[in-house]
Amino acid sequence: MNNETKVLDKDYIFEGIIKELIPNKTISFTSRNVTLPEDPETNPEYIETWNIEEIDHHKTKVELIQSGFTGKEKGMIRFEDADTGLPGLLDQLAKYCKGRS
């Protein structure tokens, strides 16, 4: 990821339901873009799972699994914008974690 800030002219809102929560280990939830029309083919609900594992006292391994995509998502927005949404979220998570150590 480069240091440039990418500005998008669109906002997306996602909603979902937590399916599994194991403190300090796993969170799994459904997610769907509610800013687009409901359509199981072009805007499917998908599952996102975060597995967290402490490697040593100062390191944590985070595994992110997303499933349920059709490959026909409207405008392929999840794939086009993945370089801005997820890295930004991970940067915020890293800053939060550093503030707690």
C-alpha atoms as a PDB file:
ATOM      1  CA  MET A   1       0.000   0.000   0.000  1.00  0.00           C
ATOM      2  CA  ASN A   2       1.394   3.399  -0.903  1.00  0.00           C
ATOM      3  CA  ASN A   3       1.246   6.509   1.281  1.00  0.00           C
ATOM      4  CA  GLU A   4      -1.155   8.368  -1.004  1.00  0.00           C
ATOM      5  CA  THR A   5      -4.737   8.822   0.123  1.00  0.00           C
ATOM      6  CA  LYS A   6      -7.275   7.609  -2.414  1.00  0.00           C
ATOM      7  CA  VAL A   7     -10.478   9.660  -2.377  1.00  0.00           C
ATOM      8  CA  LEU A   8     -13.645   7.935  -3.527  1.00  0.00           C
ATOM      9  CA  ASP A   9     -16.825   9.708  -4.559  1.00  0.00           C
ATOM     10  CA  LYS A  10     -19.005   6.987  -3.071  1.00  0.00           C
ATOM     11  CA  ASP A  11     -19.891   5.712   0.360  1.00  0.00           C
ATOM     12  CA  TYR A  12     -21.085   2.244   1.228  1.00  0.00           C
ATOM     13  CA  ILE A  13     -22.955   1.142   4.317  1.00  0.00           C
ATOM     14  CA  PHE A  14     -22.824  -2.498   5.358  1.00  0.00           C
ATOM     15  CA  GLU A  15     -25.056  -4.242   7.876  1.00  0.00           C
ATOM     16  CA  GLY A  16     -24.950  -7.738   9.273  1.00  0.00           C
ATOM     17  CA  ILE A  17     -25.447 -10.083  12.181  1.00  0.00           C
ATOM     18  CA  ILE A  18     -22.751 -11.499  14.451  1.00  0.00           C
ATOM     19  CA  LYS A  19     -22.798 -15.280  14.075  1.00  0.00           C
ATOM     20  CA  GLU A  20     -19.909 -16.258  16.357  1.00  0.00           C
ATOM     21  CA  LEU A  21     -17.894 -14.403  18.969  1.00  0.00           C
ATOM     22  CA  ILE A  22     -15.083 -15.979  20.954  1.00  0.00           C
ATOM     23  CA  PRO A  23     -13.330 -13.176  22.858  1.00  0.00           C
ATOM     24  CA  ASN A  24      -9.694 -12.692  21.813  1.00  0.00           C
ATOM     25  CA  LYS A  25     -10.019 -15.518  19.231  1.00  0.00           C
ATOM     26  CA  THR A  26     -12.758 -15.191  16.577  1.00  0.00           C
ATOM     27  CA  ILE A  27     -15.536 -12.981  15.330  1.00  0.00           C
ATOM     28  CA  SER A  28     -17.725 -14.055  12.428  1.00  0.00           C
ATOM     29  CA  PHE A  29     -20.579 -12.041  10.982  1.00  0.00           C
ATOM     30  CA  THR A  30     -22.775 -11.642   7.930  1.00  0.00           C
ATOM     31  CA  SER A  31     -22.501  -8.496   5.854  1.00  0.00           C
ATOM     32  CA  ARG A  32     -24.426  -6.925   2.995  1.00  0.00           C
ATOM     33  CA  ASN A  33     -24.188  -3.555   1.270  1.00  0.00           C
ATOM     34  CA  VAL A  34     -27.448  -1.813   2.197  1.00  0.00           C
ATOM     35  CA  THR A  35     -26.746   1.163  -0.080  1.00  0.00           C
ATOM     36  CA  LEU A  36     -27.426  -1.054  -3.120  1.00  0.00           C
ATOM     37  CA  PRO A  37     -30.678  -2.813  -4.072  1.00  0.00           C
ATOM     38  CA  GLU A  38     -31.271  -6.219  -2.492  1.00  0.00           C
ATOM     39  CA  ASP A  39     -30.244  -8.880  -4.983  1.00  0.00           C
ATOM     40  CA  PRO A  40     -28.683 -12.207  -3.973  1.00  0.00           C
ATOM     41  CA  GLU A  41     -26.667 -12.351  -7.189  1.00  0.00           C
ATOM     42  CA  THR A  42     -25.314  -8.811  -7.602  1.00  0.00           C
ATOM     43  CA  ASN A  43     -25.345  -7.801  -3.905  1.00  0.00           C
ATOM     44  CA  PRO A  44     -25.138 -11.005  -1.878  1.00  0.00           C
ATOM     45  CA  GLU A  45     -24.911 -11.326   1.861  1.00  0.00           C
ATOM     46  CA  TYR A  46     -21.489 -12.714   2.638  1.00  0.00           C
ATOM     47  CA  ILE A  47     -19.698 -13.975   5.726  1.00  0.00           C
ATOM     48  CA  GLU A  48     -16.611 -12.334   7.163  1.00  0.00           C
ATOM     49  CA  THR A  49     -14.554 -14.140   9.800  1.00  0.00           C
ATOM     50  CA  TRP A  50     -11.620 -12.710  11.731  1.00  0.00           C
ATOM     51  CA  ASN A  51      -9.386 -15.224  13.538  1.00  0.00           C
ATOM     52  CA  ILE A  52      -6.908 -13.730  16.010  1.00  0.00           C
ATOM     53  CA  GLU A  53      -3.906 -15.586  17.408  1.00  0.00           C
ATOM     54  CA  GLU A  54      -1.249 -14.250  19.766  1.00  0.00           C
ATOM     55  CA  ILE A  55       2.146 -15.241  18.365  1.00  0.00           C
ATOM     56  CA  ASP A  56       4.180 -13.852  21.251  1.00  0.00           C
ATOM     57  CA  HIS A  57       3.860 -11.038  23.762  1.00  0.00           C
ATOM     58  CA  HIS A  58       4.139  -8.281  21.139  1.00  0.00           C
ATOM     59  CA  LYS A  59       2.767  -9.909  17.980  1.00  0.00           C
ATOM     60  CA  THR A  60      -0.674 -10.999  16.850  1.00  0.00           C
ATOM     61  CA  LYS A  61      -1.613 -12.933  13.724  1.00  0.00           C
ATOM     62  CA  VAL A  62      -4.924 -11.864  12.160  1.00  0.00           C
ATOM     63  CA  GLU A  63      -6.564 -14.084   9.534  1.00  0.00           C
ATOM     64  CA  LEU A  64      -9.463 -12.596   7.563  1.00  0.00           C
ATOM     65  CA  ILE A  65     -11.753 -14.907   5.590  1.00  0.00           C
ATOM     66  CA  GLN A  66     -14.560 -13.626   3.365  1.00  0.00           C
ATOM     67  CA  SER A  67     -16.944 -16.062   1.672  1.00  0.00           C
ATOM     68  CA  GLY A  68     -20.216 -15.978  -0.208  1.00  0.00           C
ATOM     69  CA  PHE A  69     -19.309 -13.807  -3.197  1.00  0.00           C
ATOM     70  CA  THR A  70     -20.866 -14.641  -6.562  1.00  0.00           C
ATOM     71  CA  GLY A  71     -18.368 -12.883  -8.850  1.00  0.00           C
ATOM     72  CA  LYS A  72     -21.326 -10.921 -10.287  1.00  0.00           C
ATOM     73  CA  GLU A  73     -21.451  -8.169  -7.662  1.00  0.00           C
ATOM     74  CA  LYS A  74     -22.750  -4.891  -9.057  1.00  0.00           C
ATOM     75  CA  GLY A  75     -19.803  -3.044 -10.572  1.00  0.00           C
ATOM     76  CA  MET A  76     -17.518  -5.494  -8.764  1.00  0.00           C
ATOM     77  CA  ILE A  77     -17.293  -2.784  -6.093  1.00  0.00           C
ATOM     78  CA  ARG A  78     -15.974  -5.106  -3.445  1.00  0.00           C
ATOM     79  CA  PHE A  79     -12.978  -5.934  -5.604  1.00  0.00           C
ATOM     80  CA  GLU A  80     -12.353  -2.455  -7.050  1.00  0.00           C
ATOM     81  CA  ASP A  81     -12.372  -0.698  -3.685  1.00  0.00           C
ATOM     82  CA  ALA A  82     -10.729  -3.433  -1.634  1.00  0.00           C
ATOM     83  CA  ASP A  83      -7.435  -1.558  -1.748  1.00  0.00           C
ATOM     84  CA  THR A  84      -8.959   1.400   0.107  1.00  0.00           C
ATOM     85  CA  GLY A  85     -11.482  -0.088   2.517  1.00  0.00           C
ATOM     86  CA  LEU A  86      -9.677  -2.983   4.158  1.00  0.00           C
ATOM     87  CA  PRO A  87      -6.197  -1.414   4.413  1.00  0.00           C
ATOM     88  CA  GLY A  88      -7.773   1.667   5.990  1.00  0.00           C
ATOM     89  CA  LEU A  89      -9.608  -0.504   8.485  1.00  0.00           C
ATOM     90  CA  LEU A  90      -6.431  -2.433   9.302  1.00  0.00           C
ATOM     91  CA  ASP A  91      -4.497   0.832   9.781  1.00  0.00           C
ATOM     92  CA  GLN A  92      -7.141   2.002  12.249  1.00  0.00           C
ATOM     93  CA  LEU A  93      -7.020  -1.367  14.048  1.00  0.00           C
ATOM     94  CA  ALA A  94      -3.207  -1.192  14.309  1.00  0.00           C
ATOM     95  CA  LYS A  95      -3.374   2.352  15.760  1.00  0.00           C
ATOM     96  CA  TYR A  96      -6.017   1.240  18.264  1.00  0.00           C
ATOM     97  CA  CYS A  97      -3.955  -1.764  19.339  1.00  0.00           C
ATOM     98  CA  LYS A  98      -0.773   0.304  19.739  1.00  0.00           C
ATOM     99  CA  GLY A  99      -2.664   2.683  21.997  1.00  0.00           C
ATOM    100  CA  ARG A 100      -3.651  -0.201  24.269  1.00  0.00           C
ATOM    101  CA  SER A 101      -0.206  -1.735  24.683  1.00  0.00           C
END
